[in-house]
Amino acid sequence: MLIYVRTTVLSHGGRVTLEGTSNLYVPSDRGQTAPVPDHPLTKLGPFPQVFHHSSDEAKCRQFSSCYQWLSCDVEFAESSGTAVRITSYINNLHPNNTRAYASIEKLISLAIAPWNDVLVKGYQGRRPRRIYTYGVSNSEVPPWAEYPPKDLLPVVPYQKITRFDWASEDWQSHCDKVEEYLRLPDVDPKYHVFPPEPDDPPETQDLLGYMTPEMWESPKSVERIVRAKWRRLHRFSYPEPGISYTYEDWKAGETAKPIFGPWEWEGEYEMTQDHEYYSVSLEDEFRQQGLQVIVRVFSIDLTTNEPHYPGDQDFHLDGMLNEHNVATAQFCYSSENITESRISYQQNDDLSLHGHQPDPLCIYRLYGTPPCPAVGEEPKALNLQTLGSVAVTSGRLLAWSNTLRYKKHPFSLLDPSRPGHQRCVVLWLVDPHYRICSTRNVPPQQHDWWRNAVLASSTLLSTFPKELIDMVMNETGPWPMDLSEALAYKKRSEAEREEAHEAQKSMFQNYWFWYDLEYR
């Protein structure tokens, strides 16, 4: 890890190479401590609106002026293809571990194609929507504005009508109609426009069988059961792909036509244009300059005394803004004696309902957003959508853009009588449009690495007796840095990253469009 104003970085053309361990350290006159970087968000001018200031303040908290993960430099090994060669050491992995370096080089090479598939340019996604619609119906009356059939309601709200206000024959005829209505098959609950009322029978309860003779004699009870049945029958249709444009149209990018367009009373509305496909090729665009990759290896070890892994508490993004991470790849290389492990993904959506049907009861189901709050209540749900989860299995490589937040699920020992583990390599791709300080510029900071390199070199010191060597080494102290100091910095960095995660969450807005729906 790079620690500003503490870590030595090379200047005057100094460079750390992998050509022998003696080249990991250079003359001290070529180094200087890493200065605190210019904070790109501290020079912002006055803010006309409070929420803009709040957003920029949250961004400031995600930019570290203290720490930066160290990337290694990677170059493409051939004139074509994705084969790569690591040209500067991986932080905390000694270059003597040649087999590990070769394996990580192969893993980076394999990750490039998936990264090409998940990276985006600007704000336009790689593929258009399979379903494009402004609502669930072309009707001028939204589904929530419809009412139960009046001819089946024996009493209207606030009307005091009893059984004795009906002639016997008329009441029996009315009940026969209601009974026929109750026999209609229920609609799948996921298509319901309205949720059940608190006094409705359970959704698993057959409403006709629920009615007792006493209930059939009460117009109020009959009215209540008709409304409950209507809520079970009143439905909307989920738009399906292939309606407004075919799969072939979708592949050609001809996707500007919605299933249901904007409401006419919204006035003129600028329709979406056809989609323009594009591709990303890291190996072609950045072959000359190469890539920078941050490498982390972790192991989750479970024992009979600690048989459970709790998972992540919340969705999050890895890295600080000054590290410019744009994509992640995770490879599980060993998994033993654990239950299924999964990773969930979540995205921030910028859902705008301008032009959509003012139908909160169907829109939230259509888009998978939290339910609309009651009138007068503030929407509390953040504009985040959970996309699903993927199993983490041995030998599987997962790749995702750093626009996605993720969360690791809990898992446990499969056989609680013996230990188990999950071991993974994680790669973070640094945005190739930037160059951050890497291990090419930072000599290794481990005291043991330096000590072993000095003793292995052909210097006068290496000819001294062991007792004299130990005396000299004792005089050097922990230089460049001992383990206890490194762990202390690591702890502070982790605390800073936790604060950044909280700042990140504070930037997400609520679904304010509920207000638009409420007051239309």
Protein backbone atom coordinates (compact mmCIF):
# COMPACT_ATOMS: atom_id res chain seq x y z
CA MET A 1 0.00 0.00 0.00
CA LEU A 2 1.17 3.50 -0.83
CA ILE A 3 1.17 5.79 2.21
CA TYR A 4 1.41 9.45 1.27
CA VAL A 5 4.23 11.35 3.04
CA ARG A 6 5.62 8.02 4.28
CA THR A 7 6.27 5.67 1.36
CA THR A 8 9.38 6.24 -0.75
CA VAL A 9 8.72 6.63 -4.48
CA LEU A 10 11.34 6.80 -7.21
CA SER A 11 12.16 9.94 -9.11
CA HIS A 12 14.78 11.00 -11.67
CA GLY A 13 14.02 8.00 -13.88
CA GLY A 14 14.33 5.40 -11.15
CA ARG A 15 12.37 2.22 -11.79
CA VAL A 16 11.81 -1.06 -9.96
CA THR A 17 12.17 -4.08 -12.24
CA LEU A 18 11.71 -7.81 -11.85
CA GLU A 19 15.07 -8.73 -13.35
CA GLY A 20 16.58 -10.23 -10.21
CA THR A 21 15.82 -9.34 -6.63
CA SER A 22 18.79 -6.96 -6.42
CA ASN A 23 16.95 -4.61 -8.78
CA LEU A 24 14.08 -4.17 -6.34
CA TYR A 25 16.05 -1.50 -4.49
CA VAL A 26 17.73 1.54 -6.02
CA PRO A 27 20.10 4.20 -4.67
CA SER A 28 18.47 6.41 -2.06
CA ASP A 29 19.26 9.58 -4.00
CA ARG A 30 16.64 8.56 -6.57
CA GLY A 31 13.80 8.41 -4.07
CA GLN A 32 11.50 10.79 -2.24
CA THR A 33 8.44 10.34 -0.07
CA ALA A 34 5.13 10.28 -1.91
CA PRO A 35 3.51 13.74 -1.70
CA VAL A 36 -0.15 14.19 -0.83
CA PRO A 37 -2.00 14.22 -4.18
CA ASP A 38 -4.09 17.14 -5.32
CA HIS A 39 -7.64 16.46 -4.31
CA PRO A 40 -9.75 16.95 -7.48
CA LEU A 41 -12.84 17.87 -5.48
CA THR A 42 -11.43 20.40 -3.02
CA LYS A 43 -11.24 23.19 -5.57
CA LEU A 44 -14.94 23.23 -6.30
CA GLY A 45 -16.55 26.63 -6.26
CA PRO A 46 -19.65 27.79 -4.37
CA PHE A 47 -22.72 25.59 -4.64
CA PRO A 48 -26.07 27.15 -5.53
CA GLN A 49 -28.02 24.22 -4.10
CA VAL A 50 -27.49 22.36 -0.86
CA PHE A 51 -27.90 18.87 -2.28
CA HIS A 52 -25.15 19.50 -4.81
CA HIS A 53 -22.80 20.41 -1.98
CA SER A 54 -23.83 17.29 -0.09
CA SER A 55 -23.11 15.09 -3.11
CA ASP A 56 -19.69 16.63 -3.67
CA GLU A 57 -18.83 16.33 0.00
CA ALA A 58 -19.66 12.61 -0.18
CA LYS A 59 -17.36 12.28 -3.20
CA CYS A 60 -14.57 13.99 -1.26
CA ARG A 61 -14.86 11.35 1.44
CA GLN A 62 -14.34 8.66 -1.18
CA PHE A 63 -11.04 10.16 -2.31
CA SER A 64 -8.13 9.31 -0.03
CA SER A 65 -5.38 11.79 0.74
CA CYS A 66 -3.64 9.18 2.90
CA TYR A 67 -3.52 5.80 1.16
CA GLN A 68 -3.62 4.07 -2.21
CA TRP A 69 -3.56 0.41 -3.12
CA LEU A 70 -0.48 -0.36 -5.20
CA SER A 71 -1.02 -1.79 -8.65
CA CYS A 72 1.48 -3.78 -10.66
CA ASP A 73 2.28 -2.86 -14.24
CA VAL A 74 1.29 -5.29 -16.96
CA GLU A 75 2.38 -5.32 -20.60
CA PHE A 76 1.03 -7.32 -23.49
CA ALA A 77 3.47 -10.10 -24.31
CA GLU A 78 2.71 -10.44 -28.02
CA SER A 79 1.66 -8.30 -30.96
CA SER A 80 -1.90 -9.65 -30.75
CA GLY A 81 -4.08 -11.55 -28.31
CA THR A 82 -4.43 -11.11 -24.56
CA ALA A 83 -1.27 -12.80 -23.24
CA VAL A 84 0.36 -10.51 -20.68
CA ARG A 85 3.57 -10.17 -18.71
CA ILE A 86 3.82 -8.59 -15.24
CA THR A 87 6.65 -6.05 -15.31
CA SER A 88 6.65 -4.78 -11.71
CA TYR A 89 6.27 -6.78 -8.53
CA ILE A 90 2.88 -7.58 -7.01
CA ASN A 91 2.60 -5.88 -3.64
CA ASN A 92 3.32 -8.38 -0.81
CA LEU A 93 4.14 -11.20 -3.27
CA HIS A 94 7.88 -11.67 -3.69
CA PRO A 95 9.11 -12.09 -7.29
CA ASN A 96 10.88 -15.29 -6.24
CA ASN A 97 7.42 -16.92 -6.31
CA THR A 98 7.70 -17.40 -10.05
CA ARG A 99 4.93 -20.01 -10.28
CA ALA A 100 2.50 -17.66 -8.55
CA TYR A 101 3.46 -14.84 -10.90
CA ALA A 102 2.97 -17.08 -13.94
CA SER A 103 -0.47 -18.14 -12.69
CA ILE A 104 -1.56 -14.55 -12.04
CA GLU A 105 -0.33 -13.51 -15.48
CA LYS A 106 -2.50 -16.23 -16.99
CA LEU A 107 -5.45 -15.12 -14.86
CA ILE A 108 -5.09 -11.49 -15.97
CA SER A 109 -4.93 -12.68 -19.57
CA LEU A 110 -8.15 -14.67 -19.11
CA ALA A 111 -9.89 -11.72 -17.40
CA ILE A 112 -9.37 -9.31 -20.28
CA ALA A 113 -12.13 -10.74 -22.51
CA PRO A 114 -14.78 -10.64 -19.71
CA TRP A 115 -13.65 -7.11 -18.83
CA ASN A 116 -14.16 -6.16 -22.47
CA ASP A 117 -17.73 -7.41 -22.14
CA VAL A 118 -18.65 -5.51 -18.96
CA LEU A 119 -16.92 -2.16 -19.44
CA VAL A 120 -18.96 0.73 -20.84
CA LYS A 121 -18.10 4.02 -22.49
CA GLY A 122 -19.83 7.06 -21.06
CA TYR A 123 -23.44 6.57 -20.01
CA GLN A 124 -24.72 4.32 -22.78
CA GLY A 125 -24.92 0.63 -21.97
CA ARG A 126 -23.55 -2.07 -24.19
CA ARG A 127 -26.93 -3.53 -25.11
CA PRO A 128 -30.41 -2.01 -25.46
CA ARG A 129 -33.39 -2.99 -23.38
CA ARG A 130 -35.24 -6.12 -24.42
CA ILE A 131 -38.43 -4.52 -23.09
CA TYR A 132 -39.16 -0.83 -23.66
CA THR A 133 -42.41 0.59 -22.32
CA TYR A 134 -43.90 3.54 -20.48
CA GLY A 135 -46.45 1.48 -18.62
CA VAL A 136 -48.62 -1.61 -18.63
CA SER A 137 -51.58 -0.44 -20.71
CA ASN A 138 -52.66 1.90 -23.50
CA SER A 139 -55.88 2.65 -21.65
CA GLU A 140 -56.54 6.26 -20.70
CA VAL A 141 -57.67 4.96 -17.31
CA PRO A 142 -54.86 3.33 -15.33
CA PRO A 143 -55.57 -0.03 -13.69
CA TRP A 144 -55.69 1.46 -10.21
CA ALA A 145 -58.55 3.77 -11.22
CA GLU A 146 -60.90 0.86 -11.95
CA TYR A 147 -63.45 -0.43 -9.45
CA PRO A 148 -65.20 -3.71 -8.64
CA PRO A 149 -68.32 -4.50 -10.70
CA LYS A 150 -71.12 -2.40 -9.25
CA ASP A 151 -73.82 -4.97 -10.02
CA LEU A 152 -72.17 -7.37 -7.54
CA LEU A 153 -71.85 -4.89 -4.69
CA PRO A 154 -74.93 -5.08 -2.46
CA VAL A 155 -73.88 -1.98 -0.55
CA VAL A 156 -71.70 1.00 -1.31
CA PRO A 157 -69.31 2.51 1.23
CA TYR A 158 -70.96 4.41 4.08
CA GLN A 159 -74.41 3.16 3.01
CA LYS A 160 -76.37 1.46 5.76
CA ILE A 161 -78.21 -1.39 4.04
CA THR A 162 -79.20 -4.59 5.76
CA ARG A 163 -80.49 -7.91 4.51
CA PHE A 164 -84.04 -6.79 5.25
CA ASP A 165 -83.78 -3.99 2.68
CA TRP A 166 -83.81 -6.71 0.01
CA ALA A 167 -86.65 -8.88 -1.10
CA SER A 168 -85.86 -12.58 -0.55
CA GLU A 169 -85.94 -13.48 -4.25
CA ASP A 170 -83.79 -10.48 -5.20
CA TRP A 171 -81.24 -11.27 -2.49
CA GLN A 172 -81.01 -14.92 -3.53
CA SER A 173 -80.55 -13.94 -7.17
CA HIS A 174 -77.83 -11.50 -6.17
CA CYS A 175 -76.04 -14.13 -4.06
CA ASP A 176 -76.16 -16.55 -7.00
CA LYS A 177 -74.30 -13.99 -9.13
CA VAL A 178 -71.75 -13.43 -6.37
CA GLU A 179 -71.25 -17.19 -5.98
CA GLU A 180 -70.60 -17.50 -9.71
CA TYR A 181 -68.11 -14.63 -9.44
CA LEU A 182 -66.30 -16.31 -6.54
CA ARG A 183 -65.87 -19.48 -8.60
CA LEU A 184 -63.69 -17.68 -11.15
CA PRO A 185 -60.03 -18.85 -10.96
CA ASP A 186 -57.71 -16.48 -9.12
CA VAL A 187 -54.90 -14.69 -10.92
CA ASP A 188 -51.28 -15.31 -9.94
CA PRO A 189 -50.56 -12.84 -7.08
CA LYS A 190 -47.56 -11.38 -8.91
CA TYR A 191 -49.99 -9.87 -11.44
CA HIS A 192 -52.26 -8.29 -8.82
CA VAL A 193 -52.72 -4.55 -9.10
CA PHE A 194 -53.72 -4.16 -5.45
CA PRO A 195 -52.24 -5.91 -2.42
CA PRO A 196 -54.69 -7.67 -0.06
CA GLU A 197 -56.44 -5.56 2.56
CA PRO A 198 -55.73 -6.37 6.22
CA ASP A 199 -59.21 -7.88 6.72
CA ASP A 200 -59.06 -10.01 3.55
CA PRO A 201 -58.96 -13.79 4.01
CA PRO A 202 -55.50 -15.37 3.49
CA GLU A 203 -54.56 -15.63 -0.19
CA THR A 204 -54.45 -19.41 0.13
CA GLN A 205 -58.05 -19.44 1.37
CA ASP A 206 -60.83 -20.34 -1.09
CA LEU A 207 -63.23 -17.42 -0.81
CA LEU A 208 -66.35 -19.41 -1.64
CA GLY A 209 -65.52 -21.96 1.04
CA TYR A 210 -64.69 -19.11 3.41
CA MET A 211 -68.28 -17.80 3.31
CA THR A 212 -70.55 -19.09 6.08
CA PRO A 213 -74.40 -19.06 6.01
CA GLU A 214 -74.30 -16.13 8.41
CA MET A 215 -72.03 -14.20 6.06
CA TRP A 216 -74.38 -14.83 3.14
CA GLU A 217 -77.10 -13.10 5.13
CA SER A 218 -75.00 -9.95 5.60
CA PRO A 219 -74.77 -7.47 2.69
CA LYS A 220 -71.67 -6.00 4.32
CA SER A 221 -69.93 -9.40 4.40
CA VAL A 222 -70.92 -10.09 0.80
CA GLU A 223 -69.63 -6.68 -0.25
CA ARG A 224 -66.32 -7.34 1.55
CA ILE A 225 -65.84 -10.76 -0.11
CA VAL A 226 -66.64 -9.31 -3.56
CA ARG A 227 -63.97 -6.66 -3.09
CA ALA A 228 -61.48 -9.27 -1.88
CA LYS A 229 -62.23 -11.42 -4.96
CA TRP A 230 -61.90 -8.41 -7.23
CA ARG A 231 -58.44 -7.72 -5.81
CA ARG A 232 -57.52 -11.30 -6.68
CA LEU A 233 -58.84 -10.97 -10.24
CA HIS A 234 -57.86 -7.40 -11.05
CA ARG A 235 -54.57 -7.75 -12.87
CA PHE A 236 -52.14 -6.11 -15.19
CA SER A 237 -49.96 -7.76 -17.82
CA TYR A 238 -46.20 -7.72 -17.62
CA PRO A 239 -44.78 -6.50 -20.93
CA GLU A 240 -42.90 -9.27 -22.69
CA PRO A 241 -39.95 -9.05 -25.10
CA GLY A 242 -40.65 -9.32 -28.80
CA ILE A 243 -43.82 -7.19 -28.84
CA SER A 244 -42.75 -3.77 -30.09
CA TYR A 245 -39.57 -5.06 -31.74
CA THR A 246 -38.35 -8.54 -32.55
CA TYR A 247 -35.21 -10.25 -31.37
CA GLU A 248 -33.68 -9.59 -34.79
CA ASP A 249 -34.57 -5.90 -34.43
CA TRP A 250 -32.95 -5.92 -30.98
CA LYS A 251 -29.74 -7.41 -32.36
CA ALA A 252 -29.73 -4.69 -35.03
CA GLY A 253 -30.27 -1.95 -32.43
CA GLU A 254 -33.69 -0.97 -33.83
CA THR A 255 -35.24 -0.55 -30.40
CA ALA A 256 -36.76 2.94 -30.34
CA LYS A 257 -40.39 1.79 -30.42
CA PRO A 258 -41.98 1.20 -26.99
CA ILE A 259 -44.73 -1.30 -26.26
CA PHE A 260 -46.85 1.40 -24.65
CA GLY A 261 -45.84 4.98 -25.37
CA PRO A 262 -46.01 8.07 -23.18
CA TRP A 263 -49.41 9.34 -22.19
CA GLU A 264 -50.76 11.84 -24.68
CA TRP A 265 -51.59 14.41 -22.03
CA GLU A 266 -47.91 14.54 -21.14
CA GLY A 267 -47.43 16.63 -24.27
CA GLU A 268 -44.62 16.14 -26.74
CA TYR A 269 -41.94 13.80 -25.49
CA GLU A 270 -38.59 13.10 -27.07
CA MET A 271 -38.56 9.41 -27.90
CA THR A 272 -35.52 7.23 -27.42
CA GLN A 273 -33.30 6.75 -30.46
CA ASP A 274 -32.22 3.42 -31.89
CA HIS A 275 -29.31 1.83 -30.07
CA GLU A 276 -25.77 2.04 -31.42
CA TYR A 277 -23.68 -0.96 -30.47
CA TYR A 278 -20.01 -0.53 -29.69
CA SER A 279 -17.21 -2.74 -28.45
CA VAL A 280 -14.36 -2.44 -25.97
CA SER A 281 -10.99 -4.05 -26.64
CA LEU A 282 -8.39 -3.45 -23.95
CA GLU A 283 -5.80 -5.44 -25.87
CA ASP A 284 -6.17 -3.26 -28.96
CA GLU A 285 -6.68 0.17 -27.40
CA PHE A 286 -3.95 -0.13 -24.76
CA ARG A 287 -1.45 -2.56 -26.24
CA GLN A 288 1.34 -0.02 -26.35
CA GLN A 289 0.94 1.48 -22.89
CA GLY A 290 -0.17 -1.70 -21.11
CA LEU A 291 -2.45 -2.02 -18.08
CA GLN A 292 -2.27 -1.57 -14.34
CA VAL A 293 -3.85 -4.22 -12.11
CA ILE A 294 -4.25 -4.38 -8.34
CA VAL A 295 -3.95 -7.97 -7.10
CA ARG A 296 -5.32 -9.37 -3.88
CA VAL A 297 -5.29 -12.97 -2.67
CA PHE A 298 -7.57 -13.90 0.22
CA SER A 299 -8.53 -17.04 2.09
CA ILE A 300 -11.61 -17.58 4.24
CA ASP A 301 -10.78 -20.43 6.60
CA LEU A 302 -13.47 -22.11 8.69
CA THR A 303 -12.79 -24.40 11.63
CA THR A 304 -14.86 -26.57 13.93
CA ASN A 305 -14.73 -23.72 16.46
CA GLU A 306 -15.62 -21.04 13.89
CA PRO A 307 -17.80 -22.88 11.35
CA HIS A 308 -19.61 -19.84 9.86
CA TYR A 309 -18.59 -17.01 7.55
CA PRO A 310 -20.98 -14.06 8.11
CA GLY A 311 -20.65 -12.53 4.66
CA ASP A 312 -20.74 -8.80 3.94
CA GLN A 313 -23.09 -6.59 5.91
CA ASP A 314 -24.01 -4.45 2.93
CA PHE A 315 -23.46 -3.96 -0.77
CA HIS A 316 -20.36 -1.94 -1.58
CA LEU A 317 -17.79 -0.97 -4.18
CA ASP A 318 -14.11 -1.70 -3.73
CA GLY A 319 -11.47 0.98 -3.93
CA MET A 320 -11.22 4.73 -3.43
CA LEU A 321 -11.73 7.28 -6.18
CA ASN A 322 -8.00 8.01 -6.36
CA GLU A 323 -7.39 4.34 -7.27
CA HIS A 324 -9.57 4.56 -10.40
CA ASN A 325 -10.83 0.97 -10.30
CA VAL A 326 -13.16 0.32 -13.23
CA ALA A 327 -13.63 -3.45 -13.22
CA THR A 328 -13.20 -6.47 -10.97
CA ALA A 329 -12.40 -10.11 -11.67
CA GLN A 330 -12.55 -12.79 -8.98
CA PHE A 331 -11.28 -16.32 -9.43
CA CYS A 332 -11.93 -19.02 -6.84
CA TYR A 333 -9.00 -21.42 -7.09
CA SER A 334 -9.80 -23.63 -4.11
CA SER A 335 -13.00 -24.43 -2.24
CA GLU A 336 -13.38 -27.27 0.22
CA ASN A 337 -16.04 -28.45 2.67
CA ILE A 338 -18.28 -25.37 2.59
CA THR A 339 -21.93 -24.78 1.74
CA GLU A 340 -22.85 -22.82 -1.37
CA SER A 341 -21.20 -19.43 -1.58
CA ARG A 342 -22.82 -16.65 -3.61
CA ILE A 343 -22.27 -13.01 -4.55
CA SER A 344 -25.21 -10.64 -5.07
CA TYR A 345 -25.04 -7.54 -7.26
CA GLN A 346 -26.85 -4.24 -6.99
CA GLN A 347 -26.98 -1.17 -9.17
CA ASN A 348 -27.98 2.44 -8.70
CA ASP A 349 -30.74 3.26 -11.16
CA ASP A 350 -31.67 6.67 -12.45
CA LEU A 351 -35.30 5.81 -13.02
CA SER A 352 -37.32 8.76 -14.25
CA LEU A 353 -41.04 8.37 -14.78
CA HIS A 354 -41.46 11.38 -17.03
CA GLY A 355 -44.03 10.31 -19.58
CA HIS A 356 -44.88 7.07 -17.77
CA GLN A 357 -48.35 6.07 -16.74
CA PRO A 358 -49.08 7.60 -13.32
CA ASP A 359 -49.65 4.19 -11.82
CA PRO A 360 -47.56 3.56 -8.69
CA LEU A 361 -49.25 0.24 -7.96
CA CYS A 362 -48.10 -1.32 -11.24
CA ILE A 363 -44.95 0.66 -11.95
CA TYR A 364 -43.14 -0.56 -8.86
CA ARG A 365 -43.85 -4.17 -9.83
CA LEU A 366 -42.88 -3.51 -13.42
CA TYR A 367 -39.48 -2.06 -12.50
CA GLY A 368 -38.83 -4.06 -9.35
CA THR A 369 -38.72 -0.97 -7.13
CA PRO A 370 -39.96 -0.87 -3.51
CA PRO A 371 -43.73 -0.45 -3.08
CA CYS A 372 -45.22 3.01 -3.25
CA PRO A 373 -45.57 4.55 0.23
CA ALA A 374 -48.91 5.65 1.58
CA VAL A 375 -50.13 9.12 0.67
CA GLY A 376 -48.28 11.70 2.75
CA GLU A 377 -45.42 9.36 3.66
CA GLU A 378 -41.88 10.01 2.50
CA PRO A 379 -40.37 7.26 0.33
CA LYS A 380 -37.56 5.68 2.35
CA ALA A 381 -36.21 3.16 -0.14
CA LEU A 382 -33.03 4.12 -1.96
CA ASN A 383 -32.94 4.00 -5.75
CA LEU A 384 -31.02 0.73 -5.80
CA GLN A 385 -32.01 -2.44 -7.59
CA THR A 386 -30.66 -5.86 -6.65
CA LEU A 387 -30.01 -7.80 -9.84
CA GLY A 388 -29.53 -11.32 -8.49
CA SER A 389 -26.70 -13.54 -7.33
CA VAL A 390 -24.06 -15.85 -8.78
CA ALA A 391 -22.54 -18.94 -7.18
CA VAL A 392 -18.84 -18.82 -6.34
CA THR A 393 -17.41 -22.22 -7.23
CA SER A 394 -13.89 -23.53 -7.57
CA GLY A 395 -12.53 -22.80 -11.04
CA ARG A 396 -15.09 -20.07 -11.84
CA LEU A 397 -14.00 -16.60 -12.94
CA LEU A 398 -16.45 -13.77 -12.27
CA ALA A 399 -16.04 -10.31 -13.79
CA TRP A 400 -18.10 -7.17 -13.31
CA SER A 401 -17.92 -3.46 -13.88
CA ASN A 402 -17.19 -1.28 -10.87
CA THR A 403 -20.52 0.44 -11.39
CA LEU A 404 -22.06 -2.60 -9.67
CA ARG A 405 -22.12 -2.89 -5.90
CA TYR A 406 -21.69 -6.41 -4.58
CA LYS A 407 -22.13 -8.40 -1.39
CA LYS A 408 -20.76 -11.81 -0.42
CA HIS A 409 -23.33 -14.15 1.13
CA PRO A 410 -22.76 -16.14 4.34
CA PHE A 411 -21.68 -19.78 4.16
CA SER A 412 -20.74 -22.51 6.62
CA LEU A 413 -18.89 -25.78 6.95
CA LEU A 414 -20.57 -28.56 5.00
CA ASP A 415 -19.23 -31.17 7.42
CA PRO A 416 -18.92 -29.41 10.81
CA SER A 417 -16.50 -32.07 12.06
CA ARG A 418 -13.63 -30.94 9.80
CA PRO A 419 -12.25 -27.59 8.55
CA GLY A 420 -13.01 -25.97 5.21
CA HIS A 421 -11.97 -22.95 3.17
CA GLN A 422 -12.53 -20.71 0.18
CA ARG A 423 -9.50 -19.16 -1.53
CA CYS A 424 -9.69 -16.55 -4.25
CA VAL A 425 -7.63 -14.15 -6.32
CA VAL A 426 -9.18 -10.74 -6.95
CA LEU A 427 -8.02 -8.44 -9.75
CA TRP A 428 -8.97 -4.78 -9.96
CA LEU A 429 -8.40 -3.10 -13.30
CA VAL A 430 -7.18 0.48 -13.06
CA ASP A 431 -8.83 2.75 -15.63
CA PRO A 432 -6.27 2.60 -18.49
CA HIS A 433 -6.94 6.26 -19.25
CA TYR A 434 -5.15 7.07 -15.98
CA ARG A 435 -1.74 6.10 -14.63
CA ILE A 436 -1.53 5.75 -10.87
CA CYS A 437 1.58 5.26 -8.76
CA SER A 438 2.45 1.57 -9.06
CA THR A 439 5.09 -0.85 -7.82
CA ARG A 440 7.19 0.28 -10.76
CA ASN A 441 7.69 3.50 -8.79
CA VAL A 442 7.74 2.13 -5.22
CA PRO A 443 10.52 -0.12 -3.91
CA PRO A 444 9.22 -2.93 -1.68
CA GLN A 445 8.52 -1.70 1.84
CA GLN A 446 8.98 -4.99 3.73
CA HIS A 447 12.04 -5.00 5.99
CA ASP A 448 12.57 -8.75 5.48
CA TRP A 449 12.64 -8.37 1.69
CA TRP A 450 15.28 -5.67 1.91
CA ARG A 451 17.34 -7.61 4.46
CA ASN A 452 17.35 -10.78 2.36
CA ALA A 453 18.17 -8.84 -0.81
CA VAL A 454 21.16 -7.17 0.87
CA LEU A 455 22.49 -10.44 2.24
CA ALA A 456 22.06 -12.17 -1.13
CA SER A 457 23.98 -9.49 -3.01
CA SER A 458 27.73 -9.53 -3.61
CA THR A 459 28.70 -6.75 -1.25
CA LEU A 460 31.31 -6.33 1.45
CA LEU A 461 28.61 -6.90 4.07
CA SER A 462 27.92 -10.41 2.78
CA THR A 463 31.52 -11.40 3.66
CA PHE A 464 31.16 -10.42 7.31
CA PRO A 465 30.64 -12.98 10.06
CA LYS A 466 27.01 -13.51 11.07
CA GLU A 467 27.49 -11.67 14.37
CA LEU A 468 28.68 -8.51 12.58
CA ILE A 469 25.90 -8.78 10.01
CA ASP A 470 23.32 -8.97 12.79
CA MET A 471 24.84 -5.91 14.45
CA VAL A 472 24.64 -3.93 11.21
CA MET A 473 21.06 -5.04 10.57
CA ASN A 474 20.05 -4.09 14.10
CA GLU A 475 21.27 -0.57 13.41
CA THR A 476 18.97 -0.28 10.39
CA GLY A 477 15.92 -0.73 12.59
CA PRO A 478 12.65 -1.56 10.80
CA TRP A 479 13.60 0.22 7.55
CA PRO A 480 11.78 0.48 5.18
CA MET A 481 8.83 -0.60 7.39
CA ASP A 482 8.24 -3.35 9.91
CA LEU A 483 5.16 -5.53 10.14
CA SER A 484 3.59 -3.80 13.14
CA GLU A 485 3.72 -0.39 11.46
CA ALA A 486 2.32 -1.84 8.23
CA LEU A 487 -0.59 -3.46 10.10
CA ALA A 488 -1.35 -0.18 11.87
CA TYR A 489 -1.56 1.64 8.52
CA LYS A 490 -3.70 -1.18 7.13
CA LYS A 491 -6.15 -0.79 10.00
CA ARG A 492 -6.43 2.96 9.43
CA SER A 493 -6.90 2.44 5.71
CA GLU A 494 -9.71 -0.05 6.31
CA ALA A 495 -11.44 2.42 8.64
CA GLU A 496 -11.16 5.10 5.96
CA ARG A 497 -12.66 2.74 3.39
CA GLU A 498 -15.58 1.97 5.71
CA GLU A 499 -16.24 5.71 5.94
CA ALA A 500 -16.09 5.88 2.15
CA HIS A 501 -18.73 3.14 1.92
CA GLU A 502 -21.02 5.17 4.18
CA ALA A 503 -20.38 8.27 2.08
CA GLN A 504 -21.18 6.27 -1.02
CA LYS A 505 -24.53 5.22 0.42
CA SER A 506 -25.35 8.82 1.34
CA MET A 507 -25.21 9.76 -2.35
CA PHE A 508 -28.09 7.50 -3.30
CA GLN A 509 -31.44 9.26 -3.53
CA ASN A 510 -34.87 7.98 -2.61
CA TYR A 511 -37.48 7.17 -5.24
CA TRP A 512 -38.80 10.71 -5.34
CA PHE A 513 -40.91 9.94 -8.39
CA TRP A 514 -43.58 8.65 -5.99
CA TYR A 515 -44.38 12.31 -5.32
CA ASP A 516 -44.91 12.85 -9.02
CA LEU A 517 -47.29 9.92 -9.10
CA GLU A 518 -49.13 11.03 -5.98
CA TYR A 519 -49.93 14.56 -7.09
CA ARG A 520 -50.80 14.01 -10.73
